[in-house]
PDB file of N, CA and C in Angstrom:
ATOM      1  N   UNK A   1     -16.395  -3.139 -13.042  1.00  0.00           N
ATOM      2  CA  UNK A   1     -17.614  -3.823 -13.450  1.00  0.00           C
ATOM      3  C   UNK A   1     -17.642  -3.955 -14.969  1.00  0.00           C
ATOM      4  N   UNK A   2     -18.189  -5.053 -15.438  1.00  0.00           N
ATOM      5  CA  UNK A   2     -18.375  -5.235 -16.874  1.00  0.00           C
ATOM      6  C   UNK A   2     -19.639  -4.485 -17.301  1.00  0.00           C
ATOM      7  N   UNK A   3     -19.780  -4.273 -18.605  1.00  0.00           N
ATOM      8  CA  UNK A   3     -20.969  -3.583 -19.098  1.00  0.00           C
ATOM      9  C   UNK A   3     -22.252  -4.299 -18.682  1.00  0.00           C
ATOM     10  N   UNK A   4     -22.358  -5.632 -18.827  1.00  0.00           N
ATOM     11  CA  UNK A   4     -23.582  -6.309 -18.365  1.00  0.00           C
ATOM     12  C   UNK A   4     -23.855  -6.100 -16.872  1.00  0.00           C
ATOM     13  N   UNK A   5     -22.806  -6.058 -16.058  1.00  0.00           N
ATOM     14  CA  UNK A   5     -22.995  -5.805 -14.623  1.00  0.00           C
ATOM     15  C   UNK A   5     -23.496  -4.390 -14.371  1.00  0.00           C
ATOM     16  N   UNK A   6     -22.995  -3.437 -15.135  1.00  0.00           N
ATOM     17  CA  UNK A   6     -23.450  -2.059 -15.008  1.00  0.00           C
ATOM     18  C   UNK A   6     -24.918  -1.954 -15.402  1.00  0.00           C
ATOM     19  N   UNK A   7     -25.280  -2.568 -16.517  1.00  0.00           N
ATOM     20  CA  UNK A   7     -26.676  -2.551 -16.971  1.00  0.00           C
ATOM     21  C   UNK A   7     -27.579  -3.154 -15.902  1.00  0.00           C
ATOM     22  N   UNK A   8     -27.182  -4.290 -15.355  1.00  0.00           N
ATOM     23  CA  UNK A   8     -27.998  -4.945 -14.322  1.00  0.00           C
ATOM     24  C   UNK A   8     -28.166  -4.055 -13.092  1.00  0.00           C
ATOM     25  N   UNK A   9     -27.080  -3.449 -12.639  1.00  0.00           N
ATOM     26  CA  UNK A   9     -27.145  -2.599 -11.450  1.00  0.00           C
ATOM     27  C   UNK A   9     -28.038  -1.384 -11.685  1.00  0.00           C
ATOM     28  N   UNK A  10     -27.891  -0.745 -12.834  1.00  0.00           N
ATOM     29  CA  UNK A  10     -28.689   0.453 -13.104  1.00  0.00           C
ATOM     30  C   UNK A  10     -30.163   0.123 -13.318  1.00  0.00           C
ATOM     31  N   UNK A  11     -30.459  -0.958 -14.030  1.00  0.00           N
ATOM     32  CA  UNK A  11     -31.870  -1.316 -14.216  1.00  0.00           C
ATOM     33  C   UNK A  11     -32.488  -1.746 -12.892  1.00  0.00           C
ATOM     34  N   UNK A  12     -31.726  -2.434 -12.071  1.00  0.00           N
ATOM     35  CA  UNK A  12     -32.210  -2.816 -10.737  1.00  0.00           C
ATOM     36  C   UNK A  12     -32.505  -1.565  -9.910  1.00  0.00           C
ATOM     37  N   UNK A  13     -31.747  -0.501 -10.126  1.00  0.00           N
ATOM     38  CA  UNK A  13     -31.968   0.771  -9.438  1.00  0.00           C
ATOM     39  C   UNK A  13     -33.096   1.597 -10.038  1.00  0.00           C
ATOM     40  N   UNK A  14     -33.735   1.095 -11.113  1.00  0.00           N
ATOM     41  CA  UNK A  14     -34.884   1.773 -11.698  1.00  0.00           C
ATOM     42  C   UNK A  14     -34.562   2.679 -12.875  1.00  0.00           C
ATOM     43  N   UNK A  15     -33.310   2.756 -13.282  1.00  0.00           N
ATOM     44  CA  UNK A  15     -32.938   3.621 -14.400  1.00  0.00           C
ATOM     45  C   UNK A  15     -33.279   2.948 -15.718  1.00  0.00           C
ATOM     46  N   UNK A  16     -33.626   3.778 -16.743  1.00  0.00           N
ATOM     47  CA  UNK A  16     -33.937   3.223 -18.052  1.00  0.00           C
ATOM     48  C   UNK A  16     -32.905   3.576 -19.113  1.00  0.00           C
ATOM     49  N   UNK A  17     -32.049   4.555 -18.816  1.00  0.00           N
ATOM     50  CA  UNK A  17     -31.013   4.918 -19.780  1.00  0.00           C
ATOM     51  C   UNK A  17     -29.993   5.825 -19.108  1.00  0.00           C
ATOM     52  N   UNK A  18     -28.894   6.047 -19.832  1.00  0.00           N
ATOM     53  CA  UNK A  18     -27.914   7.040 -19.391  1.00  0.00           C
ATOM     54  C   UNK A  18     -27.164   7.589 -20.586  1.00  0.00           C
ATOM     55  N   UNK A  19     -26.606   8.777 -20.408  1.00  0.00           N
ATOM     56  CA  UNK A  19     -25.834   9.436 -21.452  1.00  0.00           C
ATOM     57  C   UNK A  19     -24.486   9.830 -20.885  1.00  0.00           C
ATOM     58  N   UNK A  20     -23.440   9.576 -21.663  1.00  0.00           N
ATOM     59  CA  UNK A  20     -22.098  10.030 -21.328  1.00  0.00           C
ATOM     60  C   UNK A  20     -21.742  11.127 -22.324  1.00  0.00           C
ATOM     61  N   UNK A  21     -21.338  12.280 -21.818  1.00  0.00           N
ATOM     62  CA  UNK A  21     -20.924  13.409 -22.646  1.00  0.00           C
ATOM     63  C   UNK A  21     -19.435  13.611 -22.424  1.00  0.00           C
ATOM     64  N   UNK A  22     -18.632  13.204 -23.390  1.00  0.00           N
ATOM     65  CA  UNK A  22     -17.182  13.323 -23.251  1.00  0.00           C
ATOM     66  C   UNK A  22     -16.709  14.777 -23.250  1.00  0.00           C
ATOM     67  N   UNK A  23     -17.428  15.659 -23.929  1.00  0.00           N
ATOM     68  CA  UNK A  23     -16.987  17.055 -23.991  1.00  0.00           C
ATOM     69  C   UNK A  23     -17.204  17.784 -22.674  1.00  0.00           C
ATOM     70  N   UNK A  24     -18.229  17.398 -21.942  1.00  0.00           N
ATOM     71  CA  UNK A  24     -18.514  18.026 -20.651  1.00  0.00           C
ATOM     72  C   UNK A  24     -18.008  17.194 -19.478  1.00  0.00           C
ATOM     73  N   UNK A  25     -17.539  15.997 -19.748  1.00  0.00           N
ATOM     74  CA  UNK A  25     -17.106  15.060 -18.704  1.00  0.00           C
ATOM     75  C   UNK A  25     -18.221  14.829 -17.688  1.00  0.00           C
ATOM     76  N   UNK A  26     -19.402  14.459 -18.223  1.00  0.00           N
ATOM     77  CA  UNK A  26     -20.549  14.170 -17.368  1.00  0.00           C
ATOM     78  C   UNK A  26     -21.204  12.859 -17.793  1.00  0.00           C
ATOM     79  N   UNK A  27     -21.907  12.272 -16.845  1.00  0.00           N
ATOM     80  CA  UNK A  27     -22.763  11.118 -17.104  1.00  0.00           C
ATOM     81  C   UNK A  27     -24.118  11.446 -16.478  1.00  0.00           C
ATOM     82  N   UNK A  28     -25.189  11.272 -17.248  1.00  0.00           N
ATOM     83  CA  UNK A  28     -26.535  11.563 -16.776  1.00  0.00           C
ATOM     84  C   UNK A  28     -27.354  10.285 -16.827  1.00  0.00           C
ATOM     85  N   UNK A  29     -28.006   9.962 -15.724  1.00  0.00           N
ATOM     86  CA  UNK A  29     -28.791   8.743 -15.575  1.00  0.00           C
ATOM     87  C   UNK A  29     -30.261   9.130 -15.496  1.00  0.00           C
ATOM     88  N   UNK A  30     -31.121   8.445 -16.269  1.00  0.00           N
ATOM     89  CA  UNK A  30     -32.522   8.826 -16.409  1.00  0.00           C
ATOM     90  C   UNK A  30     -33.463   7.772 -15.830  1.00  0.00           C
ATOM     91  N   UNK A  31     -34.454   8.260 -15.081  1.00  0.00           N
ATOM     92  CA  UNK A  31     -35.523   7.417 -14.546  1.00  0.00           C
ATOM     93  C   UNK A  31     -36.753   7.543 -15.443  1.00  0.00           C
ATOM     94  N   UNK A  32     -37.648   6.560 -15.449  1.00  0.00           N
ATOM     95  CA  UNK A  32     -38.858   6.644 -16.270  1.00  0.00           C
ATOM     96  C   UNK A  32     -39.732   7.849 -15.933  1.00  0.00           C
ATOM     97  N   UNK A  33     -39.643   8.368 -14.717  1.00  0.00           N
ATOM     98  CA  UNK A  33     -40.455   9.506 -14.296  1.00  0.00           C
ATOM     99  C   UNK A  33     -40.024  10.820 -14.935  1.00  0.00           C
ATOM    100  N   UNK A  34     -38.867  10.815 -15.594  1.00  0.00           N
ATOM    101  CA  UNK A  34     -38.336  12.049 -16.164  1.00  0.00           C
ATOM    102  C   UNK A  34     -37.253  12.667 -15.298  1.00  0.00           C
ATOM    103  N   UNK A  35     -37.138  12.174 -14.071  1.00  0.00           N
ATOM    104  CA  UNK A  35     -36.067  12.663 -13.212  1.00  0.00           C
ATOM    105  C   UNK A  35     -34.728  12.142 -13.731  1.00  0.00           C
ATOM    106  N   UNK A  36     -33.672  12.904 -13.430  1.00  0.00           N
ATOM    107  CA  UNK A  36     -32.355  12.473 -13.850  1.00  0.00           C
ATOM    108  C   UNK A  36     -31.327  12.842 -12.787  1.00  0.00           C
ATOM    109  N   UNK A  37     -30.196  12.200 -12.893  1.00  0.00           N
ATOM    110  CA  UNK A  37     -29.080  12.428 -11.979  1.00  0.00           C
ATOM    111  C   UNK A  37     -27.843  12.632 -12.838  1.00  0.00           C
ATOM    112  N   UNK A  38     -27.232  13.826 -12.723  1.00  0.00           N
ATOM    113  CA  UNK A  38     -26.021  14.107 -13.486  1.00  0.00           C
ATOM    114  C   UNK A  38     -24.822  14.064 -12.555  1.00  0.00           C
ATOM    115  N   UNK A  39     -23.801  13.320 -12.976  1.00  0.00           N
ATOM    116  CA  UNK A  39     -22.585  13.195 -12.186  1.00  0.00           C
ATOM    117  C   UNK A  39     -21.384  13.591 -13.025  1.00  0.00           C
ATOM    118  N   UNK A  40     -20.392  14.118 -12.362  1.00  0.00           N
ATOM    119  CA  UNK A  40     -19.144  14.419 -13.054  1.00  0.00           C
ATOM    120  C   UNK A  40     -18.451  13.109 -13.397  1.00  0.00           C
ATOM    121  N   UNK A  41     -17.930  13.040 -14.588  1.00  0.00           N
ATOM    122  CA  UNK A  41     -17.157  11.879 -15.021  1.00  0.00           C
ATOM    123  C   UNK A  41     -15.691  12.275 -15.026  1.00  0.00           C
ATOM    124  N   UNK A  42     -14.842  11.296 -14.909  1.00  0.00           N
ATOM    125  CA  UNK A  42     -13.407  11.569 -14.873  1.00  0.00           C
ATOM    126  C   UNK A  42     -12.972  12.172 -16.204  1.00  0.00           C
ATOM    127  N   UNK A  43     -12.435  13.376 -16.157  1.00  0.00           N
ATOM    128  CA  UNK A  43     -11.888  13.993 -17.356  1.00  0.00           C
ATOM    129  C   UNK A  43     -10.439  13.570 -17.530  1.00  0.00           C
ATOM    130  N   UNK A  44     -10.045  13.330 -18.769  1.00  0.00           N
ATOM    131  CA  UNK A  44      -8.677  12.881 -19.009  1.00  0.00           C
ATOM    132  C   UNK A  44      -7.859  13.897 -19.800  1.00  0.00           C
ATOM    133  N   UNK A  45      -8.461  15.039 -20.097  1.00  0.00           N
ATOM    134  CA  UNK A  45      -7.742  16.074 -20.831  1.00  0.00           C
ATOM    135  C   UNK A  45      -7.670  15.833 -22.327  1.00  0.00           C
ATOM    136  N   UNK A  46      -8.205  14.712 -22.803  1.00  0.00           N
ATOM    137  CA  UNK A  46      -8.185  14.411 -24.234  1.00  0.00           C
ATOM    138  C   UNK A  46      -9.363  15.085 -24.918  1.00  0.00           C
ATOM    139  N   UNK A  47      -9.153  15.558 -26.136  1.00  0.00           N
ATOM    140  CA  UNK A  47     -10.242  16.164 -26.893  1.00  0.00           C
ATOM    141  C   UNK A  47     -10.851  15.129 -27.833  1.00  0.00           C
ATOM    142  N   UNK A  48     -12.059  15.408 -28.255  1.00  0.00           N
ATOM    143  CA  UNK A  48     -12.767  14.537 -29.183  1.00  0.00           C
ATOM    144  C   UNK A  48     -12.239  14.804 -30.589  1.00  0.00           C
ATOM    145  N   UNK A  49     -11.890  13.749 -31.295  1.00  0.00           N
ATOM    146  CA  UNK A  49     -11.393  13.878 -32.664  1.00  0.00           C
ATOM    147  C   UNK A  49     -12.399  14.571 -33.573  1.00  0.00           C
ATOM    148  N   UNK A  50     -11.887  15.211 -34.598  1.00  0.00           N
ATOM    149  CA  UNK A  50     -12.746  15.973 -35.509  1.00  0.00           C
ATOM    150  C   UNK A  50     -13.569  15.084 -36.429  1.00  0.00           C
ATOM    151  N   UNK A  51     -13.002  13.973 -36.889  1.00  0.00           N
ATOM    152  CA  UNK A  51     -13.743  13.107 -37.809  1.00  0.00           C
ATOM    153  C   UNK A  51     -14.195  11.848 -37.073  1.00  0.00           C
ATOM    154  N   UNK A  52     -15.309  11.307 -37.535  1.00  0.00           N
ATOM    155  CA  UNK A  52     -15.918  10.140 -36.902  1.00  0.00           C
ATOM    156  C   UNK A  52     -15.440   8.878 -37.614  1.00  0.00           C
ATOM    157  N   UNK A  53     -14.582   8.123 -36.961  1.00  0.00           N
ATOM    158  CA  UNK A  53     -14.014   6.892 -37.505  1.00  0.00           C
ATOM    159  C   UNK A  53     -14.772   5.716 -36.895  1.00  0.00           C
ATOM    160  N   UNK A  54     -15.834   5.291 -37.575  1.00  0.00           N
ATOM    161  CA  UNK A  54     -16.683   4.242 -37.000  1.00  0.00           C
ATOM    162  C   UNK A  54     -15.947   2.915 -36.877  1.00  0.00           C
ATOM    163  N   UNK A  55     -15.007   2.631 -37.759  1.00  0.00           N
ATOM    164  CA  UNK A  55     -14.271   1.365 -37.659  1.00  0.00           C
ATOM    165  C   UNK A  55     -13.404   1.340 -36.391  1.00  0.00           C
ATOM    166  N   UNK A  56     -12.740   2.454 -36.092  1.00  0.00           N
ATOM    167  CA  UNK A  56     -11.941   2.528 -34.863  1.00  0.00           C
ATOM    168  C   UNK A  56     -12.849   2.439 -33.639  1.00  0.00           C
ATOM    169  N   UNK A  57     -14.008   3.087 -33.702  1.00  0.00           N
ATOM    170  CA  UNK A  57     -14.965   3.023 -32.592  1.00  0.00           C
ATOM    171  C   UNK A  57     -15.465   1.591 -32.407  1.00  0.00           C
ATOM    172  N   UNK A  58     -15.800   0.917 -33.502  1.00  0.00           N
ATOM    173  CA  UNK A  58     -16.258  -0.477 -33.413  1.00  0.00           C
ATOM    174  C   UNK A  58     -15.177  -1.367 -32.789  1.00  0.00           C
ATOM    175  N   UNK A  59     -13.912  -1.086 -33.093  1.00  0.00           N
ATOM    176  CA  UNK A  59     -12.819  -1.842 -32.497  1.00  0.00           C
ATOM    177  C   UNK A  59     -12.772  -1.660 -30.992  1.00  0.00           C
ATOM    178  N   UNK A  60     -12.958  -0.421 -30.525  1.00  0.00           N
ATOM    179  CA  UNK A  60     -12.975  -0.146 -29.086  1.00  0.00           C
ATOM    180  C   UNK A  60     -14.170  -0.822 -28.420  1.00  0.00           C
ATOM    181  N   UNK A  61     -15.310  -0.800 -29.093  1.00  0.00           N
ATOM    182  CA  UNK A  61     -16.515  -1.445 -28.561  1.00  0.00           C
ATOM    183  C   UNK A  61     -16.295  -2.959 -28.467  1.00  0.00           C
ATOM    184  N   UNK A  62     -15.692  -3.528 -29.494  1.00  0.00           N
ATOM    185  CA  UNK A  62     -15.424  -4.974 -29.489  1.00  0.00           C
ATOM    186  C   UNK A  62     -14.509  -5.361 -28.322  1.00  0.00           C
ATOM    187  N   UNK A  63     -13.490  -4.562 -28.061  1.00  0.00           N
ATOM    188  CA  UNK A  63     -12.609  -4.831 -26.923  1.00  0.00           C
ATOM    189  C   UNK A  63     -13.396  -4.828 -25.617  1.00  0.00           C
ATOM    190  N   UNK A  64     -14.330  -3.875 -25.489  1.00  0.00           N
ATOM    191  CA  UNK A  64     -15.143  -3.801 -24.281  1.00  0.00           C
ATOM    192  C   UNK A  64     -16.069  -5.013 -24.167  1.00  0.00           C
ATOM    193  N   UNK A  65     -16.692  -5.390 -25.285  1.00  0.00           N
ATOM    194  CA  UNK A  65     -17.638  -6.510 -25.267  1.00  0.00           C
ATOM    195  C   UNK A  65     -16.952  -7.837 -24.953  1.00  0.00           C
ATOM    196  N   UNK A  66     -15.721  -7.995 -25.397  1.00  0.00           N
ATOM    197  CA  UNK A  66     -15.014  -9.257 -25.197  1.00  0.00           C
ATOM    198  C   UNK A  66     -14.076  -9.216 -23.993  1.00  0.00           C
ATOM    199  N   UNK A  67     -14.051  -8.066 -23.307  1.00  0.00           N
ATOM    200  CA  UNK A  67     -13.137  -7.872 -22.178  1.00  0.00           C
ATOM    201  C   UNK A  67     -11.723  -8.286 -22.579  1.00  0.00           C
ATOM    202  N   UNK A  68     -11.265  -7.698 -23.674  1.00  0.00           N
ATOM    203  CA  UNK A  68      -9.927  -7.989 -24.195  1.00  0.00           C
ATOM    204  C   UNK A  68      -8.881  -7.767 -23.108  1.00  0.00           C
ATOM    205  N   UNK A  69      -7.803  -8.531 -23.128  1.00  0.00           N
ATOM    206  CA  UNK A  69      -6.741  -8.350 -22.126  1.00  0.00           C
ATOM    207  C   UNK A  69      -6.283  -6.883 -22.082  1.00  0.00           C
ATOM    208  N   UNK A  70      -6.206  -6.347 -20.879  1.00  0.00           N
ATOM    209  CA  UNK A  70      -5.785  -4.960 -20.700  1.00  0.00           C
ATOM    210  C   UNK A  70      -6.899  -3.943 -20.866  1.00  0.00           C
ATOM    211  N   UNK A  71      -8.131  -4.404 -21.168  1.00  0.00           N
ATOM    212  CA  UNK A  71      -9.249  -3.467 -21.347  1.00  0.00           C
ATOM    213  C   UNK A  71      -9.508  -2.695 -20.059  1.00  0.00           C
ATOM    214  N   UNK A  72      -9.718  -1.393 -20.210  1.00  0.00           N
ATOM    215  CA  UNK A  72     -10.207  -0.539 -19.125  1.00  0.00           C
ATOM    216  C   UNK A  72     -11.206   0.444 -19.722  1.00  0.00           C
ATOM    217  N   UNK A  73     -12.102   0.933 -18.906  1.00  0.00           N
ATOM    218  CA  UNK A  73     -13.048   1.933 -19.401  1.00  0.00           C
ATOM    219  C   UNK A  73     -12.299   3.209 -19.787  1.00  0.00           C
ATOM    220  N   UNK A  74     -11.283   3.567 -19.026  1.00  0.00           N
ATOM    221  CA  UNK A  74     -10.493   4.759 -19.345  1.00  0.00           C
ATOM    222  C   UNK A  74      -9.854   4.613 -20.726  1.00  0.00           C
ATOM    223  N   UNK A  75      -9.303   3.447 -21.008  1.00  0.00           N
ATOM    224  CA  UNK A  75      -8.721   3.186 -22.322  1.00  0.00           C
ATOM    225  C   UNK A  75      -9.770   3.210 -23.418  1.00  0.00           C
ATOM    226  N   UNK A  76     -10.949   2.630 -23.141  1.00  0.00           N
ATOM    227  CA  UNK A  76     -12.053   2.658 -24.101  1.00  0.00           C
ATOM    228  C   UNK A  76     -12.420   4.094 -24.428  1.00  0.00           C
ATOM    229  N   UNK A  77     -12.573   4.915 -23.395  1.00  0.00           N
ATOM    230  CA  UNK A  77     -12.971   6.310 -23.600  1.00  0.00           C
ATOM    231  C   UNK A  77     -11.944   7.065 -24.433  1.00  0.00           C
ATOM    232  N   UNK A  78     -10.668   6.824 -24.174  1.00  0.00           N
ATOM    233  CA  UNK A  78      -9.606   7.484 -24.948  1.00  0.00           C
ATOM    234  C   UNK A  78      -9.698   7.085 -26.424  1.00  0.00           C
ATOM    235  N   UNK A  79      -9.933   5.796 -26.690  1.00  0.00           N
ATOM    236  CA  UNK A  79     -10.053   5.327 -28.067  1.00  0.00           C
ATOM    237  C   UNK A  79     -11.312   5.883 -28.728  1.00  0.00           C
ATOM    238  N   UNK A  80     -12.410   5.928 -27.983  1.00  0.00           N
ATOM    239  CA  UNK A  80     -13.662   6.461 -28.530  1.00  0.00           C
ATOM    240  C   UNK A  80     -13.502   7.943 -28.888  1.00  0.00           C
ATOM    241  N   UNK A  81     -12.894   8.715 -28.000  1.00  0.00           N
ATOM    242  CA  UNK A  81     -12.668  10.131 -28.282  1.00  0.00           C
ATOM    243  C   UNK A  81     -11.767  10.315 -29.494  1.00  0.00           C
ATOM    244  N   UNK A  82     -10.690   9.537 -29.575  1.00  0.00           N
ATOM    245  CA  UNK A  82      -9.781   9.628 -30.722  1.00  0.00           C
ATOM    246  C   UNK A  82     -10.516   9.302 -32.018  1.00  0.00           C
ATOM    247  N   UNK A  83     -11.529   8.430 -31.932  1.00  0.00           N
ATOM    248  CA  UNK A  83     -12.332   8.055 -33.098  1.00  0.00           C
ATOM    249  C   UNK A  83     -13.418   9.084 -33.402  1.00  0.00           C
ATOM    250  N   UNK A  84     -13.432  10.184 -32.669  1.00  0.00           N
ATOM    251  CA  UNK A  84     -14.400  11.244 -32.937  1.00  0.00           C
ATOM    252  C   UNK A  84     -15.724  11.101 -32.221  1.00  0.00           C
ATOM    253  N   UNK A  85     -15.792  10.221 -31.229  1.00  0.00           N
ATOM    254  CA  UNK A  85     -17.028  10.035 -30.466  1.00  0.00           C
ATOM    255  C   UNK A  85     -17.123  11.107 -29.385  1.00  0.00           C
ATOM    256  N   UNK A  86     -18.166  11.925 -29.462  1.00  0.00           N
ATOM    257  CA  UNK A  86     -18.377  12.991 -28.488  1.00  0.00           C
ATOM    258  C   UNK A  86     -19.155  12.502 -27.273  1.00  0.00           C
ATOM    259  N   UNK A  87     -19.800  11.360 -27.411  1.00  0.00           N
ATOM    260  CA  UNK A  87     -20.562  10.793 -26.301  1.00  0.00           C
ATOM    261  C   UNK A  87     -21.451   9.666 -26.782  1.00  0.00           C
ATOM    262  N   UNK A  88     -22.230   9.146 -25.848  1.00  0.00           N
ATOM    263  CA  UNK A  88     -23.133   8.059 -26.223  1.00  0.00           C
ATOM    264  C   UNK A  88     -24.311   7.984 -25.266  1.00  0.00           C
ATOM    265  N   UNK A  89     -25.406   7.432 -25.791  1.00  0.00           N
ATOM    266  CA  UNK A  89     -26.635   7.195 -25.048  1.00  0.00           C
ATOM    267  C   UNK A  89     -26.843   5.696 -24.988  1.00  0.00           C
ATOM    268  N   UNK A  90     -27.057   5.176 -23.789  1.00  0.00           N
ATOM    269  CA  UNK A  90     -27.368   3.761 -23.611  1.00  0.00           C
ATOM    270  C   UNK A  90     -28.833   3.655 -23.213  1.00  0.00           C
ATOM    271  N   UNK A  91     -29.604   2.902 -24.000  1.00  0.00           N
ATOM    272  CA  UNK A  91     -31.017   2.669 -23.708  1.00  0.00           C
ATOM    273  C   UNK A  91     -31.194   1.222 -23.292  1.00  0.00           C
ATOM    274  N   UNK A  92     -31.597   1.026 -22.043  1.00  0.00           N
ATOM    275  CA  UNK A  92     -31.872  -0.335 -21.577  1.00  0.00           C
ATOM    276  C   UNK A  92     -33.147  -0.856 -22.231  1.00  0.00           C
ATOM    277  N   UNK A  93     -34.119   0.035 -22.434  1.00  0.00           N
ATOM    278  CA  UNK A  93     -35.374  -0.363 -23.068  1.00  0.00           C
ATOM    279  C   UNK A  93     -35.143  -0.792 -24.515  1.00  0.00           C
ATOM    280  N   UNK A  94     -34.308  -0.058 -25.232  1.00  0.00           N
ATOM    281  CA  UNK A  94     -34.020  -0.354 -26.627  1.00  0.00           C
ATOM    282  C   UNK A  94     -32.883  -1.336 -26.823  1.00  0.00           C
ATOM    283  N   UNK A  95     -32.203  -1.692 -25.727  1.00  0.00           N
ATOM    284  CA  UNK A  95     -31.095  -2.640 -25.741  1.00  0.00           C
ATOM    285  C   UNK A  95     -30.038  -2.252 -26.784  1.00  0.00           C
ATOM    286  N   UNK A  96     -29.639  -0.970 -26.719  1.00  0.00           N
ATOM    287  CA  UNK A  96     -28.634  -0.477 -27.650  1.00  0.00           C
ATOM    288  C   UNK A  96     -27.923   0.737 -27.080  1.00  0.00           C
ATOM    289  N   UNK A  97     -26.794   1.020 -27.680  1.00  0.00           N
ATOM    290  CA  UNK A  97     -26.058   2.245 -27.379  1.00  0.00           C
ATOM    291  C   UNK A  97     -25.941   3.020 -28.684  1.00  0.00           C
ATOM    292  N   UNK A  98     -26.147   4.314 -28.599  1.00  0.00           N
ATOM    293  CA  UNK A  98     -26.046   5.190 -29.754  1.00  0.00           C
ATOM    294  C   UNK A  98     -24.873   6.132 -29.516  1.00  0.00           C
ATOM    295  N   UNK A  99     -23.833   5.974 -30.312  1.00  0.00           N
ATOM    296  CA  UNK A  99     -22.621   6.788 -30.203  1.00  0.00           C
ATOM    297  C   UNK A  99     -22.761   7.950 -31.178  1.00  0.00           C
ATOM    298  N   UNK A 100     -22.369   9.151 -30.758  1.00  0.00           N
ATOM    299  CA  UNK A 100     -22.537  10.309 -31.633  1.00  0.00           C
ATOM    300  C   UNK A 100     -21.262  11.132 -31.727  1.00  0.00           C
ATOM    301  N   UNK A 101     -21.095  11.764 -32.886  1.00  0.00           N
ATOM    302  CA  UNK A 101     -19.922  12.576 -33.185  1.00  0.00           C
ATOM    303  C   UNK A 101     -20.253  14.058 -33.040  1.00  0.00           C
ATOM    304  N   UNK A 102     -19.239  14.868 -33.081  1.00  0.00           N
ATOM    305  CA  UNK A 102     -19.411  16.325 -33.056  1.00  0.00           C
ATOM    306  C   UNK A 102     -20.247  16.792 -34.240  1.00  0.00           C
ATOM    307  N   UNK A 103     -20.211  16.063 -35.334  1.00  0.00           N
ATOM    308  CA  UNK A 103     -20.919  16.425 -36.558  1.00  0.00           C
ATOM    309  C   UNK A 103     -22.374  15.961 -36.571  1.00  0.00           C
ATOM    310  N   UNK A 104     -22.768  15.187 -35.569  1.00  0.00           N
ATOM    311  CA  UNK A 104     -24.116  14.629 -35.538  1.00  0.00           C
ATOM    312  C   UNK A 104     -24.195  13.238 -36.140  1.00  0.00           C
ATOM    313  N   UNK A 105     -23.087  12.741 -36.696  1.00  0.00           N
ATOM    314  CA  UNK A 105     -23.072  11.369 -37.202  1.00  0.00           C
ATOM    315  C   UNK A 105     -23.269  10.424 -36.020  1.00  0.00           C
ATOM    316  N   UNK A 106     -23.838   9.257 -36.299  1.00  0.00           N
ATOM    317  CA  UNK A 106     -24.104   8.293 -35.234  1.00  0.00           C
ATOM    318  C   UNK A 106     -23.704   6.885 -35.649  1.00  0.00           C
ATOM    319  N   UNK A 107     -23.526   6.068 -34.645  1.00  0.00           N
ATOM    320  CA  UNK A 107     -23.324   4.628 -34.817  1.00  0.00           C
ATOM    321  C   UNK A 107     -24.138   3.941 -33.724  1.00  0.00           C
ATOM    322  N   UNK A 108     -25.045   3.053 -34.127  1.00  0.00           N
ATOM    323  CA  UNK A 108     -25.853   2.297 -33.166  1.00  0.00           C
ATOM    324  C   UNK A 108     -25.240   0.916 -32.974  1.00  0.00           C
ATOM    325  N   UNK A 109     -25.164   0.517 -31.714  1.00  0.00           N
ATOM    326  CA  UNK A 109     -24.616  -0.783 -31.362  1.00  0.00           C
ATOM    327  C   UNK A 109     -25.645  -1.491 -30.477  1.00  0.00           C
ATOM    328  N   UNK A 110     -26.197  -2.594 -30.964  1.00  0.00           N
ATOM    329  CA  UNK A 110     -27.168  -3.357 -30.171  1.00  0.00           C
ATOM    330  C   UNK A 110     -26.442  -4.182 -29.130  1.00  0.00           C
ATOM    331  N   UNK A 111     -27.088  -4.365 -27.989  1.00  0.00           N
ATOM    332  CA  UNK A 111     -26.498  -5.190 -26.938  1.00  0.00           C
ATOM    333  C   UNK A 111     -26.257  -6.586 -27.501  1.00  0.00           C
ATOM    334  N   UNK A 112     -25.151  -7.195 -27.130  1.00  0.00           N
ATOM    335  CA  UNK A 112     -24.921  -8.579 -27.570  1.00  0.00           C
ATOM    336  C   UNK A 112     -26.010  -9.508 -27.032  1.00  0.00           C
ATOM    337  N   UNK A 113     -26.332 -10.517 -27.815  1.00  0.00           N
ATOM    338  CA  UNK A 113     -27.303 -11.510 -27.390  1.00  0.00           C
ATOM    339  C   UNK A 113     -26.621 -12.442 -26.390  1.00  0.00           C
ATOM    340  N   UNK A 114     -27.242 -12.628 -25.211  1.00  0.00           N
ATOM    341  CA  UNK A 114     -26.631 -13.526 -24.229  1.00  0.00           C
ATOM    342  C   UNK A 114     -26.459 -14.933 -24.797  1.00  0.00           C
ATOM    343  N   UNK A 115     -25.362 -15.572 -24.454  1.00  0.00           N
ATOM    344  CA  UNK A 115     -25.098 -16.934 -24.944  1.00  0.00           C
ATOM    345  C   UNK A 115     -25.846 -17.948 -24.136  1.00  0.00           C
TER     346      UNK A 115
END
């Protein structure tokens, strides 16, 4: 599924946001009521890089947004971790994703405007 398809499916299911934690290999999905659902995410054995390389992270995000040839979520996650991304929060209400590093540094990425 593409990111827009995932957003559509989750919002249709009533979710307002989700968080991916690369260090714990979990994904947590949040409902407006405060209830949440935590699922195990596929662990790949890769560790999160020590420094936060926002340019490398932006490159991985761009590949995902444009569905670059050969793009996979597994490949995206590997690149994000190598760039020091420890996880991210996607807010459907705020129409953005907030990527965070082990150091607490962040990078906000707004959803692309539909063409």
